[in-house]
Amino acid sequence: MADQERSPARILAPLALGVFALVFFAIILSSGGGGPGGDDSGARGSEAARTATSQRQRTGSAPRPRRATYTVKVGDTLGGIASKTGVTLERIQELNPKADSSQLQAGQKIKLRE
């Protein structure tokens, strides 16, 4: 008698899982970078990044700082600021003769250029 009263969920659950999987993969493929049916805007973006990097490497110069100052954050060092901003450590020390890595305080302004 138990065989006659089976729940329809025993059939619907696997069917719903299959439909979900198909929809999931259809969404992934349609939004993917260069996959079937997808656009390749992601590929274009990474190509632009490679071009900018290779141009910077050819010129041999670091990117010019965008800001005239840098606001120190907790845990910053002069070397860390130099690598974050693209300004050499020597230049930062030249512009900020009183700055000391062990004495930096959060909120302090460091000159990056004149």
C-alpha atoms as a PDB file:
ATOM      1  CA  MET A   1       0.000   0.000   0.000  1.00  0.00           C
ATOM      2  CA  ALA A   2       2.960   2.352   0.653  1.00  0.00           C
ATOM      3  CA  ASP A   3       4.013   2.086  -3.027  1.00  0.00           C
ATOM      4  CA  GLN A   4       0.703   3.600  -4.148  1.00  0.00           C
ATOM      5  CA  GLU A   5       1.073   6.687  -1.922  1.00  0.00           C
ATOM      6  CA  ARG A   6       4.518   7.893  -3.010  1.00  0.00           C
ATOM      7  CA  SER A   7       5.096  11.608  -2.715  1.00  0.00           C
ATOM      8  CA  PRO A   8       5.446  13.539  -5.978  1.00  0.00           C
ATOM      9  CA  ALA A   9       8.481  15.274  -4.408  1.00  0.00           C
ATOM     10  CA  ARG A  10      10.494  12.090  -5.041  1.00  0.00           C
ATOM     11  CA  ILE A  11      10.238  12.815  -8.771  1.00  0.00           C
ATOM     12  CA  LEU A  12      10.092  16.617  -8.678  1.00  0.00           C
ATOM     13  CA  ALA A  13      13.235  17.131  -6.550  1.00  0.00           C
ATOM     14  CA  PRO A  14      15.703  15.540  -9.012  1.00  0.00           C
ATOM     15  CA  LEU A  15      13.871  17.194 -11.915  1.00  0.00           C
ATOM     16  CA  ALA A  16      14.136  20.621 -10.239  1.00  0.00           C
ATOM     17  CA  LEU A  17      17.840  20.028  -9.551  1.00  0.00           C
ATOM     18  CA  GLY A  18      18.434  19.232 -13.222  1.00  0.00           C
ATOM     19  CA  VAL A  19      16.568  22.342 -14.381  1.00  0.00           C
ATOM     20  CA  PHE A  20      18.528  24.465 -11.909  1.00  0.00           C
ATOM     21  CA  ALA A  21      21.831  23.054 -13.208  1.00  0.00           C
ATOM     22  CA  LEU A  22      20.873  23.817 -16.823  1.00  0.00           C
ATOM     23  CA  VAL A  23      19.841  27.388 -16.002  1.00  0.00           C
ATOM     24  CA  PHE A  24      22.991  27.903 -13.936  1.00  0.00           C
ATOM     25  CA  PHE A  25      25.309  26.803 -16.749  1.00  0.00           C
ATOM     26  CA  ALA A  26      23.345  28.812 -19.325  1.00  0.00           C
ATOM     27  CA  ILE A  27      23.844  31.962 -17.238  1.00  0.00           C
ATOM     28  CA  ILE A  28      27.537  31.241 -16.711  1.00  0.00           C
ATOM     29  CA  LEU A  29      28.164  30.633 -20.413  1.00  0.00           C
ATOM     30  CA  SER A  30      26.231  33.700 -21.546  1.00  0.00           C
ATOM     31  CA  SER A  31      28.122  36.026 -19.173  1.00  0.00           C
ATOM     32  CA  GLY A  32      31.543  34.413 -19.517  1.00  0.00           C
ATOM     33  CA  GLY A  33      34.566  36.098 -21.067  1.00  0.00           C
ATOM     34  CA  GLY A  34      34.783  34.820 -24.622  1.00  0.00           C
ATOM     35  CA  GLY A  35      32.867  31.574 -24.128  1.00  0.00           C
ATOM     36  CA  PRO A  36      30.115  30.383 -26.490  1.00  0.00           C
ATOM     37  CA  GLY A  37      27.510  33.126 -26.722  1.00  0.00           C
ATOM     38  CA  GLY A  38      29.500  35.442 -24.448  1.00  0.00           C
ATOM     39  CA  ASP A  39      31.235  38.692 -25.198  1.00  0.00           C
ATOM     40  CA  ASP A  40      34.961  39.092 -24.804  1.00  0.00           C
ATOM     41  CA  SER A  41      35.020  42.416 -22.980  1.00  0.00           C
ATOM     42  CA  GLY A  42      37.026  40.760 -20.204  1.00  0.00           C
ATOM     43  CA  ALA A  43      39.667  39.765 -22.735  1.00  0.00           C
ATOM     44  CA  ARG A  44      39.803  43.309 -24.091  1.00  0.00           C
ATOM     45  CA  GLY A  45      40.224  44.727 -20.585  1.00  0.00           C
ATOM     46  CA  SER A  46      43.119  42.426 -19.737  1.00  0.00           C
ATOM     47  CA  GLU A  47      44.729  43.203 -23.094  1.00  0.00           C
ATOM     48  CA  ALA A  48      44.589  46.921 -22.307  1.00  0.00           C
ATOM     49  CA  ALA A  49      46.176  46.277 -18.914  1.00  0.00           C
ATOM     50  CA  ARG A  50      48.975  44.264 -20.543  1.00  0.00           C
ATOM     51  CA  THR A  51      49.578  47.048 -23.072  1.00  0.00           C
ATOM     52  CA  ALA A  52      49.821  49.712 -20.357  1.00  0.00           C
ATOM     53  CA  THR A  53      52.191  47.521 -18.346  1.00  0.00           C
ATOM     54  CA  SER A  54      54.411  46.772 -21.331  1.00  0.00           C
ATOM     55  CA  GLN A  55      54.571  50.468 -22.251  1.00  0.00           C
ATOM     56  CA  ARG A  56      55.615  51.307 -18.689  1.00  0.00           C
ATOM     57  CA  GLN A  57      58.288  48.601 -18.778  1.00  0.00           C
ATOM     58  CA  ARG A  58      59.688  49.895 -22.073  1.00  0.00           C
ATOM     59  CA  THR A  59      60.045  53.447 -20.814  1.00  0.00           C
ATOM     60  CA  GLY A  60      61.651  52.187 -17.611  1.00  0.00           C
ATOM     61  CA  SER A  61      59.960  54.752 -15.398  1.00  0.00           C
ATOM     62  CA  ALA A  62      57.512  54.242 -12.591  1.00  0.00           C
ATOM     63  CA  PRO A  63      54.025  55.710 -12.911  1.00  0.00           C
ATOM     64  CA  ARG A  64      53.952  59.371 -11.940  1.00  0.00           C
ATOM     65  CA  PRO A  65      52.210  60.040  -8.632  1.00  0.00           C
ATOM     66  CA  ARG A  66      48.705  61.421  -9.048  1.00  0.00           C
ATOM     67  CA  ARG A  67      48.670  63.197  -5.713  1.00  0.00           C
ATOM     68  CA  ALA A  68      50.992  65.711  -4.134  1.00  0.00           C
ATOM     69  CA  THR A  69      50.618  64.144  -0.667  1.00  0.00           C
ATOM     70  CA  TYR A  70      49.851  60.794   0.919  1.00  0.00           C
ATOM     71  CA  THR A  71      47.923  60.396   4.160  1.00  0.00           C
ATOM     72  CA  VAL A  72      49.600  57.834   6.406  1.00  0.00           C
ATOM     73  CA  LYS A  73      47.498  54.861   7.492  1.00  0.00           C
ATOM     74  CA  VAL A  74      48.053  52.585  10.487  1.00  0.00           C
ATOM     75  CA  GLY A  75      50.979  50.250   9.811  1.00  0.00           C
ATOM     76  CA  ASP A  76      52.442  52.277   6.916  1.00  0.00           C
ATOM     77  CA  THR A  77      56.198  52.595   6.470  1.00  0.00           C
ATOM     78  CA  LEU A  78      58.094  54.909   4.148  1.00  0.00           C
ATOM     79  CA  GLY A  79      59.093  51.925   2.012  1.00  0.00           C
ATOM     80  CA  GLY A  80      55.485  50.757   1.822  1.00  0.00           C
ATOM     81  CA  ILE A  81      54.321  54.228   0.857  1.00  0.00           C
ATOM     82  CA  ALA A  82      57.004  54.325  -1.843  1.00  0.00           C
ATOM     83  CA  SER A  83      55.819  51.046  -3.362  1.00  0.00           C
ATOM     84  CA  LYS A  84      52.132  52.058  -3.146  1.00  0.00           C
ATOM     85  CA  THR A  85      52.645  55.423  -4.810  1.00  0.00           C
ATOM     86  CA  GLY A  86      55.429  54.708  -7.295  1.00  0.00           C
ATOM     87  CA  VAL A  87      57.681  57.370  -5.751  1.00  0.00           C
ATOM     88  CA  THR A  88      61.178  56.258  -4.770  1.00  0.00           C
ATOM     89  CA  LEU A  89      62.033  56.009  -1.097  1.00  0.00           C
ATOM     90  CA  GLU A  90      64.923  58.413  -1.637  1.00  0.00           C
ATOM     91  CA  ARG A  91      62.567  61.011  -3.158  1.00  0.00           C
ATOM     92  CA  ILE A  92      60.114  60.670  -0.248  1.00  0.00           C
ATOM     93  CA  GLN A  93      62.978  61.119   2.240  1.00  0.00           C
ATOM     94  CA  GLU A  94      64.266  64.112   0.280  1.00  0.00           C
ATOM     95  CA  LEU A  95      60.838  65.801   0.330  1.00  0.00           C
ATOM     96  CA  ASN A  96      60.175  64.848   3.975  1.00  0.00           C
ATOM     97  CA  PRO A  97      63.529  65.128   5.801  1.00  0.00           C
ATOM     98  CA  LYS A  98      61.934  64.875   9.250  1.00  0.00           C
ATOM     99  CA  ALA A  99      59.854  61.786   8.405  1.00  0.00           C
ATOM    100  CA  ASP A 100      60.952  58.561  10.088  1.00  0.00           C
ATOM    101  CA  SER A 101      59.361  55.145   9.450  1.00  0.00           C
ATOM    102  CA  SER A 102      59.292  54.359  13.145  1.00  0.00           C
ATOM    103  CA  GLN A 103      57.664  57.714  13.976  1.00  0.00           C
ATOM    104  CA  LEU A 104      54.868  57.777  11.360  1.00  0.00           C
ATOM    105  CA  GLN A 105      51.401  58.447  12.740  1.00  0.00           C
ATOM    106  CA  ALA A 106      48.043  57.714  11.121  1.00  0.00           C
ATOM    107  CA  GLY A 107      46.683  60.873   9.511  1.00  0.00           C
ATOM    108  CA  GLN A 108      50.129  62.410   8.951  1.00  0.00           C
ATOM    109  CA  LYS A 109      50.675  63.906   5.474  1.00  0.00           C
ATOM    110  CA  ILE A 110      53.720  62.864   3.451  1.00  0.00           C
ATOM    111  CA  LYS A 111      54.794  64.921   0.422  1.00  0.00           C
ATOM    112  CA  LEU A 112      55.106  62.941  -2.793  1.00  0.00           C
ATOM    113  CA  ARG A 113      56.082  65.796  -5.081  1.00  0.00           C
ATOM    114  CA  GLU A 114      56.687  69.536  -4.957  1.00  0.00           C
END
